[in-house]
Amino acid sequence: MKKNFLNNETTKVFLFNFGKLASYMSGILLLFHGIHNLLNHKSVSFTILGSLVSAMFSQILTLPYKWDKFWIRISTMISLTLNLLTFIIYSYTIYYY
C-alpha cells in the first residue's frame, strides 16, 4: 500500500516551517519596500496599505485559535510586529509625501 505524502508528521512540520519562512520573507520585503519609499520620499499606494491592513486584521482575528501552541503564538506576534512597523512606515509616507 502506498503511503500518503502529507500524512507523514515530518512532512507536515517541514511544510509548516516552509510556509512560515515564506510569510516572514514577504513581511521583510514589504518592510524594505516601505524603507525604500521613505528614503526616496515617495508615497505608497492605498492598495498596498489595504492589503497590509487586511493581512494584519486576519492575523488578529485568528489569534484566539492559535493561542494554545507556544511557538505559533510567538511566530504570530513576530509577524504582527513586523506588519505593524511596516504599517507605521507606510502611513507616514502617505501622510507626509
N, C-alpha and C. Protein backbone atom coordinates (compact mmCIF):
# COMPACT_ATOMS: atom_id res chain seq x y z
N MET A 1 0.84 -1.17 0.00
CA MET A 1 0.00 0.00 0.00
C MET A 1 0.90 1.25 0.00
N LYS A 2 0.55 2.23 -0.82
CA LYS A 2 1.35 3.43 -0.96
C LYS A 2 1.04 4.40 0.19
N LYS A 3 2.10 4.97 0.78
CA LYS A 3 1.94 5.92 1.87
C LYS A 3 1.61 7.31 1.31
N ASN A 4 0.69 7.98 1.96
CA ASN A 4 0.34 9.33 1.56
C ASN A 4 1.43 10.29 2.03
N PHE A 5 1.88 11.17 1.13
CA PHE A 5 2.98 12.09 1.40
C PHE A 5 2.64 13.07 2.52
N LEU A 6 1.40 13.54 2.59
CA LEU A 6 1.04 14.57 3.56
C LEU A 6 0.66 14.00 4.92
N ASN A 7 0.59 12.68 5.08
CA ASN A 7 0.28 12.10 6.37
C ASN A 7 1.50 11.94 7.25
N ASN A 8 2.68 12.07 6.69
CA ASN A 8 3.90 11.96 7.45
C ASN A 8 4.06 13.19 8.34
N GLU A 9 4.34 13.00 9.62
CA GLU A 9 4.47 14.11 10.57
C GLU A 9 5.65 15.01 10.22
N THR A 10 6.74 14.42 9.78
CA THR A 10 7.91 15.22 9.40
C THR A 10 7.60 16.12 8.22
N THR A 11 6.83 15.63 7.28
CA THR A 11 6.44 16.43 6.12
C THR A 11 5.55 17.58 6.53
N LYS A 12 4.64 17.35 7.46
CA LYS A 12 3.76 18.42 7.93
C LYS A 12 4.55 19.51 8.63
N VAL A 13 5.51 19.12 9.45
CA VAL A 13 6.34 20.10 10.14
C VAL A 13 7.18 20.89 9.14
N PHE A 14 7.75 20.21 8.15
CA PHE A 14 8.54 20.88 7.14
C PHE A 14 7.71 21.88 6.36
N LEU A 15 6.52 21.48 5.94
CA LEU A 15 5.66 22.37 5.17
C LEU A 15 5.21 23.57 6.00
N PHE A 16 4.93 23.36 7.29
CA PHE A 16 4.55 24.47 8.15
C PHE A 16 5.70 25.46 8.29
N ASN A 17 6.91 24.94 8.53
CA ASN A 17 8.07 25.82 8.69
C ASN A 17 8.41 26.54 7.39
N PHE A 18 8.26 25.86 6.26
CA PHE A 18 8.49 26.50 4.97
C PHE A 18 7.47 27.62 4.72
N GLY A 19 6.23 27.39 5.10
CA GLY A 19 5.21 28.43 4.96
C GLY A 19 5.48 29.62 5.85
N LYS A 20 5.94 29.38 7.06
CA LYS A 20 6.27 30.48 7.96
C LYS A 20 7.45 31.28 7.44
N LEU A 21 8.44 30.58 6.89
CA LEU A 21 9.60 31.25 6.31
C LEU A 21 9.17 32.13 5.14
N ALA A 22 8.29 31.63 4.30
CA ALA A 22 7.78 32.43 3.18
C ALA A 22 6.99 33.64 3.68
N SER A 23 6.25 33.47 4.76
CA SER A 23 5.49 34.57 5.35
C SER A 23 6.43 35.64 5.90
N TYR A 24 7.49 35.22 6.58
CA TYR A 24 8.47 36.18 7.09
C TYR A 24 9.16 36.92 5.95
N MET A 25 9.49 36.21 4.88
CA MET A 25 10.15 36.84 3.75
C MET A 25 9.25 37.89 3.10
N SER A 26 7.97 37.62 2.98
CA SER A 26 7.07 38.61 2.39
C SER A 26 6.94 39.83 3.30
N GLY A 27 6.92 39.61 4.61
CA GLY A 27 6.88 40.73 5.55
C GLY A 27 8.14 41.57 5.49
N ILE A 28 9.29 40.92 5.36
CA ILE A 28 10.55 41.65 5.27
C ILE A 28 10.63 42.43 3.96
N LEU A 29 10.13 41.84 2.87
CA LEU A 29 10.12 42.56 1.60
C LEU A 29 9.22 43.80 1.67
N LEU A 30 8.08 43.68 2.32
CA LEU A 30 7.21 44.86 2.49
C LEU A 30 7.89 45.91 3.36
N LEU A 31 8.60 45.48 4.38
CA LEU A 31 9.32 46.43 5.23
C LEU A 31 10.40 47.14 4.44
N PHE A 32 11.17 46.41 3.64
CA PHE A 32 12.20 47.03 2.81
C PHE A 32 11.59 47.98 1.78
N HIS A 33 10.42 47.61 1.25
CA HIS A 33 9.72 48.50 0.32
C HIS A 33 9.33 49.80 1.01
N GLY A 34 8.84 49.69 2.24
CA GLY A 34 8.47 50.89 2.98
C GLY A 34 9.68 51.76 3.30
N ILE A 35 10.79 51.15 3.68
CA ILE A 35 12.01 51.91 3.97
C ILE A 35 12.53 52.58 2.70
N HIS A 36 12.48 51.85 1.58
CA HIS A 36 12.91 52.43 0.30
C HIS A 36 12.07 53.64 -0.06
N ASN A 37 10.77 53.54 0.09
CA ASN A 37 9.89 54.67 -0.21
C ASN A 37 10.12 55.82 0.76
N LEU A 38 10.41 55.50 1.99
CA LEU A 38 10.68 56.55 2.99
C LEU A 38 11.95 57.31 2.65
N LEU A 39 12.99 56.60 2.27
CA LEU A 39 14.26 57.25 1.93
C LEU A 39 14.19 58.04 0.63
N ASN A 40 13.34 57.60 -0.30
CA ASN A 40 13.20 58.30 -1.59
C ASN A 40 12.05 59.29 -1.60
N HIS A 41 11.43 59.53 -0.46
CA HIS A 41 10.33 60.49 -0.32
C HIS A 41 9.20 60.20 -1.29
N LYS A 42 8.81 58.93 -1.37
CA LYS A 42 7.70 58.52 -2.22
C LYS A 42 6.56 57.99 -1.35
N SER A 43 5.36 58.22 -1.79
CA SER A 43 4.19 57.70 -1.10
C SER A 43 3.85 56.31 -1.64
N VAL A 44 3.32 55.48 -0.78
CA VAL A 44 2.88 54.16 -1.23
C VAL A 44 1.42 54.25 -1.67
N SER A 45 0.99 53.28 -2.43
CA SER A 45 -0.40 53.29 -2.90
C SER A 45 -1.32 52.76 -1.80
N PHE A 46 -2.56 53.14 -1.90
CA PHE A 46 -3.54 52.67 -0.92
C PHE A 46 -3.82 51.18 -1.09
N THR A 47 -3.55 50.63 -2.26
CA THR A 47 -3.74 49.20 -2.48
C THR A 47 -2.79 48.39 -1.62
N ILE A 48 -1.53 48.79 -1.56
CA ILE A 48 -0.55 48.08 -0.74
C ILE A 48 -0.89 48.24 0.73
N LEU A 49 -1.27 49.45 1.12
CA LEU A 49 -1.65 49.68 2.52
C LEU A 49 -2.88 48.86 2.88
N GLY A 50 -3.84 48.77 1.97
CA GLY A 50 -5.05 47.99 2.23
C GLY A 50 -4.77 46.50 2.36
N SER A 51 -3.88 45.99 1.54
CA SER A 51 -3.55 44.57 1.66
C SER A 51 -2.80 44.29 2.95
N LEU A 52 -1.95 45.22 3.39
CA LEU A 52 -1.26 45.06 4.66
C LEU A 52 -2.24 45.09 5.83
N VAL A 53 -3.19 46.00 5.78
CA VAL A 53 -4.19 46.10 6.85
C VAL A 53 -5.07 44.85 6.89
N SER A 54 -5.44 44.33 5.74
CA SER A 54 -6.28 43.13 5.73
C SER A 54 -5.50 41.92 6.24
N ALA A 55 -4.21 41.84 5.94
CA ALA A 55 -3.39 40.74 6.47
C ALA A 55 -3.27 40.84 7.99
N MET A 56 -3.07 42.07 8.49
CA MET A 56 -2.99 42.25 9.94
C MET A 56 -4.32 41.92 10.61
N PHE A 57 -5.41 42.33 9.98
CA PHE A 57 -6.73 42.07 10.54
C PHE A 57 -7.01 40.57 10.62
N SER A 58 -6.63 39.84 9.59
CA SER A 58 -6.86 38.39 9.62
C SER A 58 -5.98 37.72 10.67
N GLN A 59 -4.76 38.22 10.85
CA GLN A 59 -3.90 37.66 11.90
C GLN A 59 -4.46 37.93 13.29
N ILE A 60 -5.00 39.11 13.48
CA ILE A 60 -5.58 39.45 14.79
C ILE A 60 -6.82 38.60 15.06
N LEU A 61 -7.64 38.37 14.03
CA LEU A 61 -8.85 37.58 14.23
C LEU A 61 -8.56 36.11 14.50
N THR A 62 -7.45 35.59 13.98
CA THR A 62 -7.13 34.18 14.20
C THR A 62 -6.28 33.95 15.44
N LEU A 63 -5.94 35.00 16.17
CA LEU A 63 -5.13 34.83 17.39
C LEU A 63 -5.75 33.90 18.42
N PRO A 64 -7.05 34.01 18.73
CA PRO A 64 -7.60 33.12 19.76
C PRO A 64 -7.50 31.64 19.41
N TYR A 65 -7.50 31.31 18.12
CA TYR A 65 -7.43 29.91 17.72
C TYR A 65 -6.01 29.37 17.76
N LYS A 66 -5.02 30.24 17.80
CA LYS A 66 -3.63 29.82 17.82
C LYS A 66 -3.02 29.93 19.22
N TRP A 67 -3.78 30.34 20.19
CA TRP A 67 -3.22 30.67 21.49
C TRP A 67 -2.75 29.45 22.29
N ASP A 68 -3.15 28.26 21.92
CA ASP A 68 -2.78 27.08 22.70
C ASP A 68 -1.37 26.57 22.39
N LYS A 69 -0.81 26.93 21.26
CA LYS A 69 0.53 26.47 20.88
C LYS A 69 1.52 27.62 21.05
N PHE A 70 2.57 27.38 21.84
CA PHE A 70 3.52 28.42 22.20
C PHE A 70 4.25 28.99 20.99
N TRP A 71 4.78 28.13 20.13
CA TRP A 71 5.58 28.61 19.00
C TRP A 71 4.73 29.31 17.95
N ILE A 72 3.50 28.88 17.81
CA ILE A 72 2.61 29.58 16.88
C ILE A 72 2.28 30.97 17.43
N ARG A 73 2.13 31.07 18.73
CA ARG A 73 1.89 32.36 19.36
C ARG A 73 3.07 33.31 19.13
N ILE A 74 4.29 32.79 19.30
CA ILE A 74 5.49 33.60 19.11
C ILE A 74 5.61 34.03 17.64
N SER A 75 5.42 33.11 16.71
CA SER A 75 5.56 33.45 15.29
C SER A 75 4.49 34.44 14.84
N THR A 76 3.28 34.33 15.39
CA THR A 76 2.23 35.29 15.05
C THR A 76 2.55 36.67 15.59
N MET A 77 3.11 36.74 16.79
CA MET A 77 3.50 38.03 17.36
C MET A 77 4.63 38.67 16.55
N ILE A 78 5.56 37.86 16.07
CA ILE A 78 6.64 38.39 15.23
C ILE A 78 6.05 38.95 13.93
N SER A 79 5.14 38.21 13.32
CA SER A 79 4.52 38.67 12.07
C SER A 79 3.72 39.94 12.29
N LEU A 80 2.97 39.99 13.38
CA LEU A 80 2.18 41.19 13.66
C LEU A 80 3.07 42.40 13.93
N THR A 81 4.17 42.21 14.66
CA THR A 81 5.09 43.30 14.94
C THR A 81 5.72 43.81 13.64
N LEU A 82 6.12 42.90 12.78
CA LEU A 82 6.71 43.28 11.50
C LEU A 82 5.69 44.03 10.64
N ASN A 83 4.47 43.55 10.61
CA ASN A 83 3.43 44.22 9.83
C ASN A 83 3.05 45.57 10.42
N LEU A 84 3.05 45.68 11.74
CA LEU A 84 2.73 46.96 12.38
C LEU A 84 3.81 48.00 12.09
N LEU A 85 5.06 47.60 12.13
CA LEU A 85 6.15 48.51 11.80
C LEU A 85 6.05 48.97 10.35
N THR A 86 5.74 48.05 9.46
CA THR A 86 5.55 48.40 8.05
C THR A 86 4.36 49.33 7.87
N PHE A 87 3.28 49.07 8.61
CA PHE A 87 2.10 49.93 8.54
C PHE A 87 2.42 51.35 8.99
N ILE A 88 3.21 51.50 10.03
CA ILE A 88 3.60 52.83 10.51
C ILE A 88 4.42 53.57 9.45
N ILE A 89 5.35 52.86 8.83
CA ILE A 89 6.17 53.49 7.77
C ILE A 89 5.30 53.87 6.59
N TYR A 90 4.41 52.98 6.17
CA TYR A 90 3.52 53.27 5.04
C TYR A 90 2.62 54.46 5.34
N SER A 91 2.05 54.50 6.54
CA SER A 91 1.18 55.61 6.92
C SER A 91 1.94 56.93 6.93
N TYR A 92 3.17 56.90 7.40
CA TYR A 92 3.99 58.10 7.40
C TYR A 92 4.23 58.61 5.98
N THR A 93 4.54 57.68 5.07
CA THR A 93 4.81 58.10 3.69
C THR A 93 3.55 58.63 3.02
N ILE A 94 2.40 58.07 3.34
CA ILE A 94 1.15 58.58 2.74
C ILE A 94 0.83 59.97 3.28
N TYR A 95 1.05 60.17 4.57
CA TYR A 95 0.69 61.44 5.19
C TYR A 95 1.65 62.57 4.78
N TYR A 96 2.94 62.29 4.75
CA TYR A 96 3.91 63.35 4.52
C TYR A 96 4.39 63.48 3.08
N TYR A 97 4.16 62.52 2.24
CA TYR A 97 4.62 62.64 0.85
C TYR A 97 3.43 62.61 -0.06
